[in-house]
Amino acid sequence: MNTIKIVEDVLAELKMDIKKADADIKTTKNFPEIYCDPTKIKEVFRNLIANGLKFTSNTEKRPEIEIGYKLRKKEVEFFVKDNGIGIKKEFQEKIFEIFRKLHPVGEYEGTGIGLANVKKIINEHKGKITIESKDGEGSTFYFTIPLNLKEKNIYKRRKR
């Protein structure tokens, strides 16, 4: 699947939110082809980009989001980087737990399901998701997708 098409589709879906936030979005132009469930990987990018917009909304900073990748030997490592509020070290693993919200109700909208779902999707793709973040300085989410998924045939329909 052409991952630049997935990212472009997500950015088109979020166009109004991006415009409203006056966000600066930077993307790598030549994303690699990967074997994946495009609907699910689209959800991963949508959630990470939307979170980047959401968690810069209560700051004085103009939202900046960078989307890119690094090609590794056996996998592609994608990243979504923002200049938002960041996440304290002690909470970085907890944000992937379902219904885990770090802020009081009403401060930021959301259910606490998004990042748990992202982690589940990446796990289904035999990848990993990690975060680098400093409180007040933004976050970078990294996730990997193995290059050999087609050989593993993880999306083969099961016989019923």
N, C-alpha and C. Protein backbone atom coordinates (compact mmCIF):
# COMPACT_ATOMS: atom_id res chain seq x y z
N MET A 1 0.85 -1.18 0.00
CA MET A 1 0.00 0.00 0.00
C MET A 1 0.88 1.24 0.00
N ASN A 2 0.48 2.22 -0.73
CA ASN A 2 1.20 3.48 -0.81
C ASN A 2 0.89 4.31 0.43
N THR A 3 1.86 4.42 1.33
CA THR A 3 1.59 5.12 2.59
C THR A 3 1.45 6.63 2.42
N ILE A 4 2.03 7.22 1.39
CA ILE A 4 1.82 8.66 1.19
C ILE A 4 0.36 8.93 0.88
N LYS A 5 -0.29 8.02 0.17
CA LYS A 5 -1.72 8.16 -0.12
C LYS A 5 -2.53 8.11 1.17
N ILE A 6 -2.15 7.21 2.08
CA ILE A 6 -2.84 7.12 3.36
C ILE A 6 -2.69 8.43 4.12
N VAL A 7 -1.47 8.95 4.19
CA VAL A 7 -1.22 10.21 4.92
C VAL A 7 -1.97 11.36 4.25
N GLU A 8 -1.94 11.43 2.93
CA GLU A 8 -2.65 12.51 2.22
C GLU A 8 -4.15 12.44 2.48
N ASP A 9 -4.72 11.23 2.51
CA ASP A 9 -6.15 11.07 2.80
C ASP A 9 -6.47 11.57 4.21
N VAL A 10 -5.63 11.23 5.18
CA VAL A 10 -5.85 11.67 6.56
C VAL A 10 -5.77 13.18 6.64
N LEU A 11 -4.77 13.77 6.00
CA LEU A 11 -4.63 15.24 6.02
C LEU A 11 -5.84 15.91 5.37
N ALA A 12 -6.37 15.30 4.32
CA ALA A 12 -7.58 15.85 3.69
C ALA A 12 -8.77 15.77 4.64
N GLU A 13 -8.90 14.65 5.36
CA GLU A 13 -9.99 14.50 6.34
C GLU A 13 -9.87 15.51 7.48
N LEU A 14 -8.66 15.84 7.85
CA LEU A 14 -8.41 16.76 8.96
C LEU A 14 -8.21 18.20 8.51
N LYS A 15 -8.48 18.47 7.25
CA LYS A 15 -8.21 19.78 6.65
C LYS A 15 -8.80 20.94 7.46
N MET A 16 -10.04 20.82 7.87
CA MET A 16 -10.69 21.91 8.62
C MET A 16 -10.02 22.11 9.99
N ASP A 17 -9.68 21.01 10.66
CA ASP A 17 -9.00 21.11 11.96
C ASP A 17 -7.61 21.74 11.80
N ILE A 18 -6.92 21.36 10.74
CA ILE A 18 -5.59 21.91 10.47
C ILE A 18 -5.69 23.41 10.20
N LYS A 19 -6.67 23.79 9.39
CA LYS A 19 -6.86 25.20 9.07
C LYS A 19 -7.25 26.00 10.32
N LYS A 20 -8.17 25.46 11.10
CA LYS A 20 -8.62 26.13 12.32
C LYS A 20 -7.46 26.35 13.30
N ALA A 21 -6.57 25.38 13.38
CA ALA A 21 -5.41 25.48 14.29
C ALA A 21 -4.27 26.28 13.68
N ASP A 22 -4.38 26.63 12.39
CA ASP A 22 -3.30 27.29 11.67
C ASP A 22 -2.00 26.50 11.82
N ALA A 23 -2.13 25.18 11.67
CA ALA A 23 -1.01 24.28 11.88
C ALA A 23 -0.09 24.22 10.67
N ASP A 24 1.18 24.04 10.96
CA ASP A 24 2.20 23.84 9.94
C ASP A 24 2.47 22.34 9.88
N ILE A 25 2.10 21.71 8.78
CA ILE A 25 2.25 20.26 8.61
C ILE A 25 3.36 20.01 7.59
N LYS A 26 4.33 19.21 7.98
CA LYS A 26 5.43 18.84 7.08
C LYS A 26 5.41 17.33 6.91
N THR A 27 5.52 16.88 5.67
CA THR A 27 5.56 15.44 5.42
C THR A 27 6.71 15.12 4.47
N THR A 28 7.25 13.94 4.67
CA THR A 28 8.20 13.39 3.71
C THR A 28 7.39 13.05 2.46
N LYS A 29 7.92 13.29 1.30
CA LYS A 29 7.15 13.08 0.07
C LYS A 29 7.20 11.64 -0.44
N ASN A 30 8.28 10.94 -0.25
CA ASN A 30 8.43 9.61 -0.85
C ASN A 30 8.32 8.50 0.18
N PHE A 31 7.12 8.27 0.67
CA PHE A 31 6.91 7.20 1.63
C PHE A 31 7.05 5.85 0.94
N PRO A 32 7.49 4.84 1.68
CA PRO A 32 7.64 3.51 1.09
C PRO A 32 6.30 2.79 0.95
N GLU A 33 6.28 1.81 0.10
CA GLU A 33 5.13 0.91 -0.02
C GLU A 33 5.22 -0.09 1.14
N ILE A 34 4.08 -0.36 1.77
CA ILE A 34 4.05 -1.38 2.82
C ILE A 34 2.84 -2.27 2.60
N TYR A 35 2.91 -3.44 3.13
CA TYR A 35 1.78 -4.36 3.13
C TYR A 35 1.06 -4.17 4.45
N CYS A 36 -0.21 -3.76 4.38
CA CYS A 36 -0.93 -3.45 5.61
C CYS A 36 -2.43 -3.46 5.36
N ASP A 37 -3.17 -3.31 6.44
CA ASP A 37 -4.59 -3.03 6.34
C ASP A 37 -4.69 -1.51 6.25
N PRO A 38 -4.95 -0.96 5.06
CA PRO A 38 -4.91 0.50 4.89
C PRO A 38 -5.89 1.26 5.77
N THR A 39 -7.06 0.69 6.02
CA THR A 39 -8.04 1.35 6.88
C THR A 39 -7.50 1.50 8.30
N LYS A 40 -6.85 0.47 8.78
CA LYS A 40 -6.31 0.51 10.15
C LYS A 40 -5.09 1.43 10.25
N ILE A 41 -4.22 1.39 9.27
CA ILE A 41 -3.04 2.26 9.31
C ILE A 41 -3.47 3.72 9.13
N LYS A 42 -4.52 3.94 8.37
CA LYS A 42 -5.08 5.28 8.26
C LYS A 42 -5.56 5.77 9.62
N GLU A 43 -6.18 4.89 10.39
CA GLU A 43 -6.63 5.23 11.74
C GLU A 43 -5.45 5.59 12.64
N VAL A 44 -4.34 4.90 12.49
CA VAL A 44 -3.14 5.21 13.28
C VAL A 44 -2.68 6.63 12.98
N PHE A 45 -2.50 6.94 11.70
CA PHE A 45 -2.05 8.28 11.34
C PHE A 45 -3.07 9.34 11.76
N ARG A 46 -4.35 9.06 11.55
CA ARG A 46 -5.40 10.02 11.92
C ARG A 46 -5.33 10.34 13.41
N ASN A 47 -5.22 9.32 14.23
CA ASN A 47 -5.18 9.53 15.67
C ASN A 47 -3.95 10.31 16.09
N LEU A 48 -2.79 9.95 15.58
CA LEU A 48 -1.55 10.61 15.99
C LEU A 48 -1.51 12.07 15.52
N ILE A 49 -1.98 12.33 14.31
CA ILE A 49 -1.99 13.70 13.80
C ILE A 49 -3.04 14.53 14.55
N ALA A 50 -4.23 13.97 14.75
CA ALA A 50 -5.28 14.70 15.47
C ALA A 50 -4.84 15.00 16.91
N ASN A 51 -4.15 14.06 17.55
CA ASN A 51 -3.64 14.31 18.89
C ASN A 51 -2.60 15.44 18.88
N GLY A 52 -1.77 15.45 17.86
CA GLY A 52 -0.80 16.53 17.74
C GLY A 52 -1.47 17.89 17.66
N LEU A 53 -2.58 17.95 16.92
CA LEU A 53 -3.35 19.20 16.84
C LEU A 53 -4.02 19.51 18.17
N LYS A 54 -4.63 18.50 18.76
CA LYS A 54 -5.38 18.71 20.00
C LYS A 54 -4.49 19.19 21.13
N PHE A 55 -3.32 18.59 21.27
CA PHE A 55 -2.48 18.90 22.42
C PHE A 55 -1.52 20.07 22.19
N THR A 56 -1.79 20.85 21.14
CA THR A 56 -1.15 22.16 21.00
C THR A 56 -2.20 23.25 21.12
N SER A 57 -3.46 22.87 21.22
CA SER A 57 -4.55 23.85 21.19
C SER A 57 -4.56 24.80 22.38
N ASN A 58 -4.09 24.36 23.54
CA ASN A 58 -4.09 25.20 24.73
C ASN A 58 -2.72 25.82 25.00
N THR A 59 -1.90 25.94 23.96
CA THR A 59 -0.59 26.55 24.12
C THR A 59 -0.52 27.82 23.28
N GLU A 60 0.51 28.58 23.47
CA GLU A 60 0.72 29.81 22.69
C GLU A 60 1.42 29.50 21.36
N LYS A 61 1.87 28.27 21.21
CA LYS A 61 2.65 27.89 20.03
C LYS A 61 1.74 27.64 18.83
N ARG A 62 2.26 27.95 17.65
CA ARG A 62 1.59 27.53 16.43
C ARG A 62 1.85 26.04 16.28
N PRO A 63 0.82 25.23 16.10
CA PRO A 63 1.03 23.78 15.98
C PRO A 63 1.92 23.43 14.79
N GLU A 64 2.92 22.60 15.08
CA GLU A 64 3.81 22.08 14.05
C GLU A 64 3.80 20.56 14.16
N ILE A 65 3.51 19.92 13.04
CA ILE A 65 3.49 18.46 13.01
C ILE A 65 4.34 18.00 11.83
N GLU A 66 5.22 17.06 12.12
CA GLU A 66 6.08 16.49 11.08
C GLU A 66 5.79 15.00 10.98
N ILE A 67 5.62 14.53 9.75
CA ILE A 67 5.30 13.13 9.50
C ILE A 67 6.36 12.58 8.55
N GLY A 68 6.99 11.49 8.95
CA GLY A 68 8.05 10.94 8.11
C GLY A 68 8.32 9.48 8.43
N TYR A 69 9.47 9.01 7.97
CA TYR A 69 9.83 7.62 8.18
C TYR A 69 11.34 7.44 8.04
N LYS A 70 11.79 6.30 8.52
CA LYS A 70 13.15 5.83 8.29
C LYS A 70 13.03 4.38 7.84
N LEU A 71 13.73 4.04 6.80
CA LEU A 71 13.74 2.67 6.31
C LEU A 71 14.83 1.90 7.05
N ARG A 72 14.46 0.82 7.70
CA ARG A 72 15.39 -0.03 8.42
C ARG A 72 15.59 -1.31 7.60
N LYS A 73 16.43 -2.22 8.08
CA LYS A 73 16.69 -3.47 7.35
C LYS A 73 15.42 -4.27 7.11
N LYS A 74 14.65 -4.48 8.17
CA LYS A 74 13.50 -5.38 8.09
C LYS A 74 12.17 -4.69 8.34
N GLU A 75 12.19 -3.37 8.49
CA GLU A 75 10.96 -2.67 8.82
C GLU A 75 11.04 -1.21 8.38
N VAL A 76 9.87 -0.59 8.40
CA VAL A 76 9.79 0.85 8.20
C VAL A 76 9.40 1.44 9.54
N GLU A 77 10.12 2.48 9.96
CA GLU A 77 9.77 3.18 11.20
C GLU A 77 9.18 4.53 10.81
N PHE A 78 7.88 4.68 11.05
CA PHE A 78 7.19 5.94 10.78
C PHE A 78 7.24 6.79 12.04
N PHE A 79 7.10 8.11 11.89
CA PHE A 79 7.01 8.97 13.05
C PHE A 79 6.04 10.11 12.81
N VAL A 80 5.40 10.54 13.88
CA VAL A 80 4.56 11.73 13.89
C VAL A 80 5.05 12.56 15.07
N LYS A 81 5.60 13.73 14.76
CA LYS A 81 6.21 14.60 15.76
C LYS A 81 5.40 15.88 15.88
N ASP A 82 5.16 16.31 17.14
CA ASP A 82 4.44 17.57 17.34
C ASP A 82 5.18 18.44 18.35
N ASN A 83 4.79 19.69 18.43
CA ASN A 83 5.39 20.62 19.38
C ASN A 83 4.41 20.98 20.49
N GLY A 84 3.59 20.02 20.86
CA GLY A 84 2.53 20.25 21.85
C GLY A 84 3.01 20.24 23.28
N ILE A 85 2.11 19.85 24.17
CA ILE A 85 2.36 19.95 25.61
C ILE A 85 3.30 18.87 26.13
N GLY A 86 3.53 17.82 25.36
CA GLY A 86 4.41 16.75 25.81
C GLY A 86 3.78 15.88 26.88
N ILE A 87 4.51 14.84 27.24
CA ILE A 87 4.02 13.87 28.22
C ILE A 87 5.15 13.55 29.18
N LYS A 88 4.87 13.67 30.46
CA LYS A 88 5.89 13.34 31.46
C LYS A 88 6.30 11.88 31.33
N LYS A 89 7.56 11.61 31.61
CA LYS A 89 8.14 10.27 31.47
C LYS A 89 7.30 9.20 32.18
N GLU A 90 6.84 9.49 33.39
CA GLU A 90 6.12 8.48 34.17
C GLU A 90 4.76 8.10 33.58
N PHE A 91 4.26 8.89 32.63
CA PHE A 91 2.97 8.58 32.02
C PHE A 91 3.08 8.02 30.60
N GLN A 92 4.28 7.93 30.07
CA GLN A 92 4.44 7.58 28.65
C GLN A 92 3.96 6.19 28.29
N GLU A 93 4.06 5.23 29.16
CA GLU A 93 3.52 3.89 28.87
C GLU A 93 2.03 3.82 29.15
N LYS A 94 1.57 4.58 30.12
CA LYS A 94 0.17 4.54 30.55
C LYS A 94 -0.78 5.09 29.49
N ILE A 95 -0.29 5.97 28.63
CA ILE A 95 -1.19 6.57 27.63
C ILE A 95 -1.71 5.56 26.63
N PHE A 96 -1.09 4.38 26.55
CA PHE A 96 -1.54 3.34 25.63
C PHE A 96 -2.58 2.42 26.26
N GLU A 97 -2.94 2.68 27.51
CA GLU A 97 -3.96 1.89 28.20
C GLU A 97 -5.34 2.45 27.86
N ILE A 98 -6.30 1.56 27.66
CA ILE A 98 -7.64 2.00 27.29
C ILE A 98 -8.26 2.85 28.42
N PHE A 99 -8.95 3.88 28.00
CA PHE A 99 -9.63 4.85 28.88
C PHE A 99 -8.67 5.63 29.78
N ARG A 100 -7.39 5.63 29.46
CA ARG A 100 -6.41 6.37 30.27
C ARG A 100 -6.29 7.79 29.72
N LYS A 101 -6.74 8.74 30.49
CA LYS A 101 -6.60 10.15 30.15
C LYS A 101 -5.74 10.80 31.22
N LEU A 102 -4.87 11.69 30.81
CA LEU A 102 -3.95 12.32 31.75
C LEU A 102 -4.43 13.68 32.23
N HIS A 103 -5.52 14.16 31.65
CA HIS A 103 -5.98 15.51 31.97
C HIS A 103 -7.41 15.45 32.51
N PRO A 104 -7.80 16.46 33.28
CA PRO A 104 -9.16 16.50 33.82
C PRO A 104 -10.21 16.50 32.70
N VAL A 105 -11.36 15.91 32.99
CA VAL A 105 -12.46 15.89 32.03
C VAL A 105 -12.77 17.31 31.62
N GLY A 106 -12.91 17.52 30.32
CA GLY A 106 -13.24 18.83 29.79
C GLY A 106 -12.05 19.66 29.35
N GLU A 107 -10.85 19.33 29.85
CA GLU A 107 -9.68 20.11 29.43
C GLU A 107 -9.33 19.82 27.98
N TYR A 108 -9.33 18.55 27.61
CA TYR A 108 -9.13 18.12 26.23
C TYR A 108 -10.20 17.09 25.93
N GLU A 109 -10.83 17.20 24.77
CA GLU A 109 -11.86 16.22 24.45
C GLU A 109 -11.23 14.89 24.09
N GLY A 110 -12.01 13.84 24.21
CA GLY A 110 -11.54 12.50 23.87
C GLY A 110 -12.01 11.51 24.92
N THR A 111 -11.90 10.23 24.55
CA THR A 111 -12.40 9.16 25.40
C THR A 111 -11.30 8.36 26.09
N GLY A 112 -10.06 8.50 25.63
CA GLY A 112 -8.99 7.68 26.17
C GLY A 112 -8.88 6.34 25.47
N ILE A 113 -9.52 6.22 24.32
CA ILE A 113 -9.47 4.97 23.56
C ILE A 113 -8.47 5.04 22.41
N GLY A 114 -8.21 6.23 21.89
CA GLY A 114 -7.43 6.39 20.66
C GLY A 114 -6.07 5.74 20.66
N LEU A 115 -5.23 6.05 21.65
CA LEU A 115 -3.87 5.49 21.65
C LEU A 115 -3.86 4.01 21.98
N ALA A 116 -4.83 3.54 22.77
CA ALA A 116 -4.95 2.11 23.02
C ALA A 116 -5.27 1.39 21.70
N ASN A 117 -6.14 1.98 20.90
CA ASN A 117 -6.48 1.41 19.61
C ASN A 117 -5.28 1.45 18.66
N VAL A 118 -4.54 2.54 18.68
CA VAL A 118 -3.34 2.65 17.84
C VAL A 118 -2.36 1.52 18.18
N LYS A 119 -2.13 1.32 19.47
CA LYS A 119 -1.20 0.25 19.88
C LYS A 119 -1.70 -1.12 19.42
N LYS A 120 -3.00 -1.35 19.54
CA LYS A 120 -3.58 -2.63 19.10
C LYS A 120 -3.36 -2.84 17.60
N ILE A 121 -3.59 -1.80 16.82
CA ILE A 121 -3.40 -1.90 15.36
C ILE A 121 -1.95 -2.19 15.02
N ILE A 122 -1.03 -1.50 15.65
CA ILE A 122 0.39 -1.72 15.38
C ILE A 122 0.78 -3.13 15.79
N ASN A 123 0.29 -3.61 16.92
CA ASN A 123 0.56 -4.99 17.34
C ASN A 123 0.01 -5.99 16.32
N GLU A 124 -1.18 -5.74 15.78
CA GLU A 124 -1.76 -6.61 14.76
C GLU A 124 -0.87 -6.67 13.52
N HIS A 125 -0.15 -5.61 13.25
CA HIS A 125 0.75 -5.54 12.11
C HIS A 125 2.17 -6.02 12.45
N LYS A 126 2.30 -6.62 13.62
CA LYS A 126 3.58 -7.17 14.09
C LYS A 126 4.64 -6.10 14.29
N GLY A 127 4.20 -4.87 14.56
CA GLY A 127 5.12 -3.76 14.79
C GLY A 127 5.14 -3.35 16.25
N LYS A 128 5.81 -2.24 16.49
CA LYS A 128 5.91 -1.68 17.84
C LYS A 128 5.64 -0.18 17.77
N ILE A 129 5.15 0.37 18.87
CA ILE A 129 4.96 1.82 18.97
C ILE A 129 5.66 2.31 20.23
N THR A 130 6.37 3.42 20.08
CA THR A 130 7.07 4.03 21.20
C THR A 130 6.86 5.54 21.14
N ILE A 131 7.25 6.19 22.22
CA ILE A 131 7.11 7.64 22.29
C ILE A 131 8.38 8.23 22.90
N GLU A 132 8.78 9.37 22.37
CA GLU A 132 9.79 10.22 22.99
C GLU A 132 9.11 11.54 23.26
N SER A 133 9.18 12.00 24.49
CA SER A 133 8.47 13.22 24.83
C SER A 133 9.08 13.86 26.07
N LYS A 134 8.99 15.18 26.11
CA LYS A 134 9.35 15.93 27.30
C LYS A 134 8.19 16.84 27.62
N ASP A 135 7.85 16.88 28.89
CA ASP A 135 6.75 17.72 29.34
C ASP A 135 6.99 19.16 28.88
N GLY A 136 6.03 19.71 28.15
CA GLY A 136 6.12 21.07 27.67
C GLY A 136 6.86 21.25 26.35
N GLU A 137 7.41 20.18 25.81
CA GLU A 137 8.24 20.30 24.60
C GLU A 137 7.78 19.47 23.41
N GLY A 138 6.64 18.84 23.51
CA GLY A 138 6.14 18.06 22.38
C GLY A 138 6.43 16.58 22.51
N SER A 139 5.93 15.84 21.52
CA SER A 139 6.06 14.39 21.51
C SER A 139 6.37 13.89 20.12
N THR A 140 7.08 12.79 20.05
CA THR A 140 7.27 12.07 18.80
C THR A 140 6.85 10.64 19.02
N PHE A 141 5.87 10.20 18.25
CA PHE A 141 5.43 8.81 18.27
C PHE A 141 6.10 8.09 17.11
N TYR A 142 6.71 6.96 17.41
CA TYR A 142 7.35 6.11 16.41
C TYR A 142 6.58 4.81 16.34
N PHE A 143 6.32 4.32 15.13
CA PHE A 143 5.76 2.98 15.01
C PHE A 143 6.38 2.28 13.82
N THR A 144 6.54 0.98 13.98
CA THR A 144 7.19 0.19 12.94
C THR A 144 6.18 -0.75 12.28
N ILE A 145 6.45 -1.00 11.01
CA ILE A 145 5.72 -2.00 10.24
C ILE A 145 6.77 -2.87 9.55
N PRO A 146 6.78 -4.17 9.82
CA PRO A 146 7.76 -5.04 9.17
C PRO A 146 7.58 -5.07 7.65
N LEU A 147 8.70 -5.21 6.95
CA LEU A 147 8.64 -5.25 5.48
C LEU A 147 8.22 -6.61 4.96
N ASN A 148 8.23 -7.65 5.79
CA ASN A 148 7.91 -9.00 5.33
C ASN A 148 6.49 -9.43 5.67
N LEU A 149 5.58 -8.50 5.90
CA LEU A 149 4.21 -8.88 6.28
C LEU A 149 3.51 -9.68 5.20
N LYS A 150 3.79 -9.38 3.95
CA LYS A 150 3.12 -10.10 2.87
C LYS A 150 3.46 -11.59 2.94
N GLU A 151 4.74 -11.89 3.20
CA GLU A 151 5.14 -13.28 3.31
C GLU A 151 4.46 -13.97 4.49
N LYS A 152 4.24 -13.21 5.57
CA LYS A 152 3.57 -13.78 6.75
C LYS A 152 2.08 -13.92 6.51
N ASN A 153 1.57 -13.20 5.51
CA ASN A 153 0.17 -13.31 5.09
C ASN A 153 -0.80 -13.11 6.26
N ILE A 154 -0.58 -12.05 7.04
CA ILE A 154 -1.40 -11.85 8.24
C ILE A 154 -2.83 -11.45 7.93
N TYR A 155 -3.10 -11.04 6.71
CA TYR A 155 -4.47 -10.61 6.39
C TYR A 155 -5.22 -11.63 5.56
N LYS A 156 -4.70 -12.83 5.48
CA LYS A 156 -5.40 -13.89 4.76
C LYS A 156 -6.72 -14.17 5.46
N ARG A 157 -7.78 -14.23 4.69
CA ARG A 157 -9.10 -14.48 5.29
C ARG A 157 -9.14 -15.88 5.90
N ARG A 158 -9.71 -15.91 7.09
CA ARG A 158 -9.85 -17.19 7.76
C ARG A 158 -11.07 -17.92 7.22
N LYS A 159 -10.92 -19.23 7.07
CA LYS A 159 -12.07 -20.04 6.63
C LYS A 159 -13.00 -20.23 7.79
N ARG A 160 -14.28 -20.16 7.51
CA ARG A 160 -15.29 -20.33 8.58
C ARG A 160 -15.96 -21.65 8.46
